[in-house]
């Protein structure tokens, strides 16, 4: 199975630091009641003191709130580093509740979307990305993240719209070019896909993922031998990328070079034993040489790693 760029598009939007206000509150032992017999100046002095105290306590409250926000932001980052996404989700929800008017609010929702997505709560993640964009329409990452998720749901129109917006905001956005090209390829719009990848290569000539995807498009256009040459060059440059071995294995399979295909796909799985797509590719190779039981075993392994069964229904026919 050919696979273009498993581009993980759910990035955290980094926060900026907050200034912390330290306030020393004066000790007040006793404040007498207002006496109507006091002269105007004395009453004005008491009013001033009372107002000053109110201001001081307001500032102190603001300082405490700022400290609380800073603590929660640090907690989110720590949870994310530890891949504890439930912890990060709880901290972000508390941040959203506390910091109702802060300039970081849109980033909280974007990061919440990322955290939810890592927990496979994709519908809730989409709602979070929607909210982030509703608050701030000028952040490229928000549109790239939502575009990736919309594509996963099969909403190509929405995804293409988000990637177009991302590229308007940042014409050098590599992720948007790569993922939009993949949608075009799946829609059989190979010229549009090729244009996006070539546009990306004018920005980043050494982007081997774009080069890899162009090789896949060559194969899809029938230029299988040319694709094989390109893929071999890329593996020489990036010998530790399982995606490249998977793609070349698929090319060898198209050329009925099954021994070479099995060698490459085993290398891909050696580099990443949890690479679901590689198990699909291996299953296809084994099925092509008549090893149906072994092929089904590989298909089932991919499904156990979360691969969508609907995408390989035709391959699973002989496994039931």
Protein backbone atom coordinates (compact mmCIF):
# COMPACT_ATOMS: atom_id res chain seq x y z
CA UNK A 1 0.00 0.00 0.00
CA UNK A 2 1.47 3.31 -0.99
CA UNK A 3 1.43 5.89 1.71
CA UNK A 4 2.11 9.58 1.39
CA UNK A 5 3.47 11.36 4.32
CA UNK A 6 1.83 10.46 7.58
CA UNK A 7 2.16 14.12 8.44
CA UNK A 8 1.08 14.58 12.05
CA UNK A 9 -0.50 17.94 11.94
CA UNK A 10 -1.51 18.53 15.46
CA UNK A 11 1.00 21.04 16.81
CA UNK A 12 1.00 22.84 20.10
CA UNK A 13 0.91 26.61 19.82
CA UNK A 14 3.60 27.87 22.20
CA UNK A 15 2.61 30.29 24.92
CA UNK A 16 4.42 33.46 25.81
CA UNK A 17 5.60 34.25 29.34
CA UNK A 18 3.43 36.21 31.74
CA UNK A 19 4.69 39.02 33.96
CA UNK A 20 4.08 38.35 37.60
CA UNK A 21 3.07 41.20 39.90
CA UNK A 22 4.31 41.04 43.49
CA UNK A 23 2.40 43.19 45.97
CA UNK A 24 3.10 43.77 49.61
CA UNK A 25 -0.19 44.36 51.47
CA UNK A 26 0.10 46.82 54.40
CA UNK A 27 -1.07 45.59 57.75
CA UNK A 28 -4.26 47.34 58.89
CA UNK A 29 -5.14 46.77 62.51
CA UNK A 30 -8.21 48.95 62.90
CA UNK A 31 -10.32 51.17 60.73
CA UNK A 32 -12.88 53.22 62.74
CA UNK A 33 -16.41 53.73 61.49
CA UNK A 34 -17.24 57.03 59.83
CA UNK A 35 -18.38 59.58 62.37
CA UNK A 36 -20.74 62.25 61.03
CA UNK A 37 -19.13 64.73 63.41
CA UNK A 38 -15.76 64.36 61.68
CA UNK A 39 -14.79 67.17 59.41
CA UNK A 40 -14.77 66.81 55.63
CA UNK A 41 -11.01 66.40 55.37
CA UNK A 42 -10.98 63.49 57.81
CA UNK A 43 -13.80 61.76 55.92
CA UNK A 44 -11.94 62.26 52.65
CA UNK A 45 -8.86 60.66 54.21
CA UNK A 46 -10.87 57.60 55.28
CA UNK A 47 -12.43 57.33 51.83
CA UNK A 48 -9.01 57.48 50.24
CA UNK A 49 -7.66 54.76 52.56
CA UNK A 50 -10.66 52.54 51.86
CA UNK A 51 -10.26 52.98 48.09
CA UNK A 52 -6.56 52.30 48.32
CA UNK A 53 -7.17 49.06 50.22
CA UNK A 54 -9.70 47.93 47.61
CA UNK A 55 -7.16 48.60 44.86
CA UNK A 56 -4.45 46.70 46.71
CA UNK A 57 -6.65 43.65 47.24
CA UNK A 58 -7.73 43.76 43.56
CA UNK A 59 -4.09 43.80 42.44
CA UNK A 60 -3.28 40.98 44.85
CA UNK A 61 -6.15 38.95 43.40
CA UNK A 62 -4.89 39.61 39.89
CA UNK A 63 -1.42 38.50 40.92
CA UNK A 64 -2.77 35.27 42.41
CA UNK A 65 -4.75 34.60 39.23
CA UNK A 66 -1.66 35.19 37.09
CA UNK A 67 0.30 32.77 39.25
CA UNK A 68 -2.48 30.20 38.89
CA UNK A 69 -2.49 30.58 35.09
CA UNK A 70 1.30 30.27 34.96
CA UNK A 71 1.16 27.13 37.12
CA UNK A 72 -1.48 25.52 34.90
CA UNK A 73 0.44 26.37 31.73
CA UNK A 74 3.52 24.69 33.17
CA UNK A 75 1.38 21.73 34.16
CA UNK A 76 0.08 21.37 30.59
CA UNK A 77 3.61 21.35 29.21
CA UNK A 78 4.78 18.83 31.77
CA UNK A 79 1.81 16.54 31.10
CA UNK A 80 2.43 16.74 27.38
CA UNK A 81 6.13 15.93 27.78
CA UNK A 82 5.12 12.86 29.78
CA UNK A 83 2.49 11.95 27.15
CA UNK A 84 -0.14 12.09 29.89
CA UNK A 85 -2.89 13.52 27.72
CA UNK A 86 -5.70 13.14 30.26
CA UNK A 87 -3.67 15.26 32.67
CA UNK A 88 -3.05 17.86 29.94
CA UNK A 89 -6.74 17.91 29.02
CA UNK A 90 -7.81 18.60 32.62
CA UNK A 91 -5.26 21.40 33.02
CA UNK A 92 -6.30 23.01 29.73
CA UNK A 93 -9.98 22.90 30.65
CA UNK A 94 -9.15 24.65 33.93
CA UNK A 95 -7.12 27.25 32.02
CA UNK A 96 -10.03 27.90 29.68
CA UNK A 97 -12.32 28.34 32.69
CA UNK A 98 -9.99 30.69 34.56
CA UNK A 99 -8.43 32.76 31.79
CA UNK A 100 -11.59 33.94 30.03
CA UNK A 101 -10.13 37.04 28.39
CA UNK A 102 -6.42 36.28 28.13
CA UNK A 103 -4.55 36.66 24.85
CA UNK A 104 -3.57 32.98 25.05
CA UNK A 105 -7.15 31.73 24.98
CA UNK A 106 -7.17 30.62 21.34
CA UNK A 107 -3.97 28.62 21.92
CA UNK A 108 -5.63 26.82 24.85
CA UNK A 109 -8.35 25.55 22.51
CA UNK A 110 -5.83 24.60 19.82
CA UNK A 111 -3.74 22.68 22.34
CA UNK A 112 -6.88 21.08 23.74
CA UNK A 113 -7.67 19.87 20.22
CA UNK A 114 -4.20 18.33 19.98
CA UNK A 115 -4.55 16.61 23.36
CA UNK A 116 -8.02 15.27 22.54
CA UNK A 117 -6.80 13.98 19.21
CA UNK A 118 -3.99 12.08 20.89
CA UNK A 119 -6.72 10.36 22.92
CA UNK A 120 -8.71 9.52 19.76
CA UNK A 121 -11.45 11.98 20.76
CA UNK A 122 -11.54 13.34 17.24
CA UNK A 123 -15.00 14.93 17.27
CA UNK A 124 -14.24 16.84 20.44
CA UNK A 125 -10.86 17.81 18.99
CA UNK A 126 -12.56 19.26 15.92
CA UNK A 127 -14.82 21.36 18.15
CA UNK A 128 -11.75 22.65 19.99
CA UNK A 129 -10.02 23.63 16.74
CA UNK A 130 -13.23 25.37 15.61
CA UNK A 131 -13.23 27.40 18.81
CA UNK A 132 -9.55 28.34 18.43
CA UNK A 133 -10.21 29.63 14.91
CA UNK A 134 -13.34 31.46 16.03
CA UNK A 135 -11.20 33.41 18.51
CA UNK A 136 -8.21 34.01 16.22
CA UNK A 137 -8.24 33.62 12.44
CA UNK A 138 -4.59 34.63 11.95
CA UNK A 139 -2.72 31.55 13.18
CA UNK A 140 -1.58 29.17 10.44
CA UNK A 141 -1.20 26.20 12.78
CA UNK A 142 -4.88 26.25 13.74
CA UNK A 143 -5.98 25.84 10.12
CA UNK A 144 -3.37 23.15 9.42
CA UNK A 145 -4.50 21.19 12.46
CA UNK A 146 -8.17 21.42 11.57
CA UNK A 147 -7.45 20.63 7.93
CA UNK A 148 -5.68 17.43 8.94
CA UNK A 149 -8.61 16.34 11.09
CA UNK A 150 -11.20 17.26 8.47
CA UNK A 151 -9.27 15.16 5.96
CA UNK A 152 -9.36 12.24 8.38
CA UNK A 153 -13.16 12.56 8.52
CA UNK A 154 -13.32 12.54 4.72
CA UNK A 155 -14.24 16.21 4.50
CA UNK A 156 -11.93 17.01 1.61
CA UNK A 157 -13.69 20.28 0.79
CA UNK A 158 -13.25 21.56 4.33
CA UNK A 159 -9.68 20.33 4.52
CA UNK A 160 -8.70 21.95 1.21
CA UNK A 161 -10.28 25.21 2.38
CA UNK A 162 -8.25 25.11 5.61
CA UNK A 163 -5.00 24.39 3.78
CA UNK A 164 -5.72 27.23 1.34
CA UNK A 165 -6.19 29.60 4.28
CA UNK A 166 -3.01 28.31 5.92
CA UNK A 167 -1.08 29.04 2.74
CA UNK A 168 -2.59 32.52 2.48
CA UNK A 169 -1.38 33.23 6.01
CA UNK A 170 1.99 31.58 5.42
CA UNK A 171 2.91 30.93 1.76
CA UNK A 172 5.92 28.87 2.91
CA UNK A 173 3.91 26.43 5.05
CA UNK A 174 5.36 23.03 4.22
CA UNK A 175 2.71 21.02 6.07
CA UNK A 176 -0.13 22.62 4.13
CA UNK A 177 1.54 21.91 0.78
CA UNK A 178 2.31 18.30 1.69
CA UNK A 179 -1.12 17.45 3.02
CA UNK A 180 -3.03 19.28 0.31
CA UNK A 181 -0.98 17.42 -2.31
CA UNK A 182 -1.94 14.15 -0.64
CA UNK A 183 -5.65 15.01 -0.87
CA UNK A 184 -5.25 15.92 -4.54
CA UNK A 185 -3.43 12.64 -5.17
CA UNK A 186 -6.20 10.62 -3.55
CA UNK A 187 -8.70 12.52 -5.71
CA UNK A 188 -6.64 11.51 -8.77
CA UNK A 189 -5.80 15.18 -9.37
CA UNK A 190 -2.19 14.32 -9.99
CA UNK A 191 -1.24 17.57 -11.74
CA UNK A 192 -2.46 19.65 -8.79
CA UNK A 193 -0.63 17.35 -6.38
CA UNK A 194 2.56 17.62 -8.42
CA UNK A 195 2.25 21.42 -8.57
CA UNK A 196 1.96 21.66 -4.78
CA UNK A 197 4.98 19.44 -4.22
CA UNK A 198 7.08 21.33 -6.76
CA UNK A 199 6.03 24.62 -5.14
CA UNK A 200 7.22 23.23 -1.82
CA UNK A 201 10.54 22.18 -3.31
CA UNK A 202 11.16 25.74 -4.51
CA UNK A 203 10.90 26.75 -0.84
CA UNK A 204 12.68 23.74 0.65
CA UNK A 205 14.71 21.93 -2.06
CA UNK A 206 15.91 19.27 0.38
CA UNK A 207 12.48 18.31 1.67
CA UNK A 208 12.81 14.57 1.11
CA UNK A 209 9.17 13.96 2.04
CA UNK A 210 8.07 16.03 -0.94
CA UNK A 211 10.58 14.18 -3.12
CA UNK A 212 9.23 10.88 -1.84
CA UNK A 213 5.67 11.90 -2.62
CA UNK A 214 6.66 12.95 -6.13
CA UNK A 215 8.12 9.48 -6.64
CA UNK A 216 4.79 7.97 -5.56
CA UNK A 217 2.97 10.20 -8.04
CA UNK A 218 5.36 9.05 -10.80
CA UNK A 219 4.43 5.48 -9.95
CA UNK A 220 0.75 6.36 -9.99
CA UNK A 221 1.24 7.91 -13.45
CA UNK A 222 2.78 4.64 -14.66
CA UNK A 223 6.44 5.67 -14.46
CA UNK A 224 7.27 2.81 -12.07
CA UNK A 225 10.94 2.39 -13.03
CA UNK A 226 11.57 6.14 -12.64
CA UNK A 227 9.87 6.06 -9.26
CA UNK A 228 12.12 3.19 -8.18
CA UNK A 229 15.24 5.15 -9.11
CA UNK A 230 14.04 8.19 -7.11
CA UNK A 231 13.11 6.08 -4.08
CA UNK A 232 16.50 4.36 -4.05
CA UNK A 233 18.26 7.73 -4.04
CA UNK A 234 16.05 8.91 -1.17
CA UNK A 235 16.80 5.80 0.91
CA UNK A 236 20.50 6.47 0.46
CA UNK A 237 19.91 9.96 1.88
CA UNK A 238 17.51 8.86 4.64
CA UNK A 239 18.31 5.22 5.50
CA UNK A 240 16.38 5.27 8.77
CA UNK A 241 12.97 6.30 7.46
CA UNK A 242 10.53 3.35 7.42
CA UNK A 243 8.14 5.23 5.10
CA UNK A 244 10.72 5.21 2.31
CA UNK A 245 11.27 1.47 2.62
CA UNK A 246 7.51 0.91 2.66
CA UNK A 247 7.05 2.94 -0.51
CA UNK A 248 9.90 1.22 -2.33
CA UNK A 249 8.54 -2.18 -1.26
CA UNK A 250 5.24 -1.22 -2.88
CA UNK A 251 7.11 -0.26 -6.06
CA UNK A 252 9.00 -3.56 -6.11
CA UNK A 253 5.66 -5.33 -5.71
CA UNK A 254 4.28 -3.47 -8.74
CA UNK A 255 7.30 -4.77 -10.68
CA UNK A 256 6.62 -8.30 -9.30
CA UNK A 257 10.04 -8.27 -7.60
CA UNK A 258 8.65 -9.92 -4.49
CA UNK A 259 11.91 -10.90 -2.78
CA UNK A 260 13.12 -7.30 -2.93
CA UNK A 261 9.70 -6.11 -1.79
CA UNK A 262 9.75 -8.41 1.26
CA UNK A 263 13.29 -7.32 2.11
CA UNK A 264 12.30 -3.66 2.07
CA UNK A 265 9.11 -4.11 4.04
CA UNK A 266 10.95 -6.11 6.70
CA UNK A 267 13.43 -3.23 6.96
CA UNK A 268 10.52 -0.82 7.41
CA UNK A 269 9.11 -2.91 10.25
CA UNK A 270 12.55 -3.30 11.81
CA UNK A 271 12.79 0.49 11.94
CA UNK A 272 9.24 0.84 13.29
CA UNK A 273 7.51 -2.32 14.60
CA UNK A 274 4.27 -0.37 15.11
CA UNK A 275 4.03 0.94 11.54
CA UNK A 276 0.50 -0.18 10.63
CA UNK A 277 0.74 0.71 6.93
CA UNK A 278 3.82 -1.48 6.55
CA UNK A 279 1.84 -4.48 7.80
CA UNK A 280 -0.75 -3.76 5.10
CA UNK A 281 1.98 -3.61 2.46
CA UNK A 282 3.52 -6.84 3.72
CA UNK A 283 0.11 -8.49 3.65
CA UNK A 284 -0.38 -7.40 0.04
CA UNK A 285 3.00 -8.83 -0.96
CA UNK A 286 2.29 -12.13 0.79
CA UNK A 287 -1.16 -12.30 -0.78
CA UNK A 288 0.39 -11.72 -4.21
CA UNK A 289 2.62 -14.78 -3.77
CA UNK A 290 -0.23 -16.93 -2.49
CA UNK A 291 0.50 -16.89 1.26
CA UNK A 292 -3.04 -15.95 2.26
CA UNK A 293 -2.89 -16.99 5.91
CA UNK A 294 0.30 -15.00 6.53
CA UNK A 295 -1.18 -12.06 4.63
CA UNK A 296 -4.30 -12.07 6.84
CA UNK A 297 -2.13 -12.20 9.92
CA UNK A 298 -0.40 -9.00 8.81
CA UNK A 299 -3.71 -7.32 7.96
CA UNK A 300 -5.04 -8.16 11.42
CA UNK A 301 -1.88 -6.82 13.01
CA UNK A 302 -2.47 -3.50 11.23
CA UNK A 303 -6.05 -3.44 12.49
CA UNK A 304 -4.85 -4.07 16.05
CA UNK A 305 -2.65 -0.97 15.68
CA UNK A 306 -5.68 1.14 14.82
CA UNK A 307 -5.80 0.95 11.01
CA UNK A 308 -9.30 1.55 9.63
CA UNK A 309 -10.78 -1.75 8.39
CA UNK A 310 -12.96 0.09 5.87
CA UNK A 311 -9.86 1.12 3.96
CA UNK A 312 -8.81 -2.49 3.30
CA UNK A 313 -12.18 -4.21 2.95
CA UNK A 314 -11.26 -5.77 -0.39
CA UNK A 315 -8.02 -7.13 1.06
CA UNK A 316 -9.85 -8.74 3.97
CA UNK A 317 -12.30 -10.71 1.79
CA UNK A 318 -10.14 -13.86 1.88
CA UNK A 319 -9.56 -13.57 5.62
CA UNK A 320 -13.09 -14.38 6.80
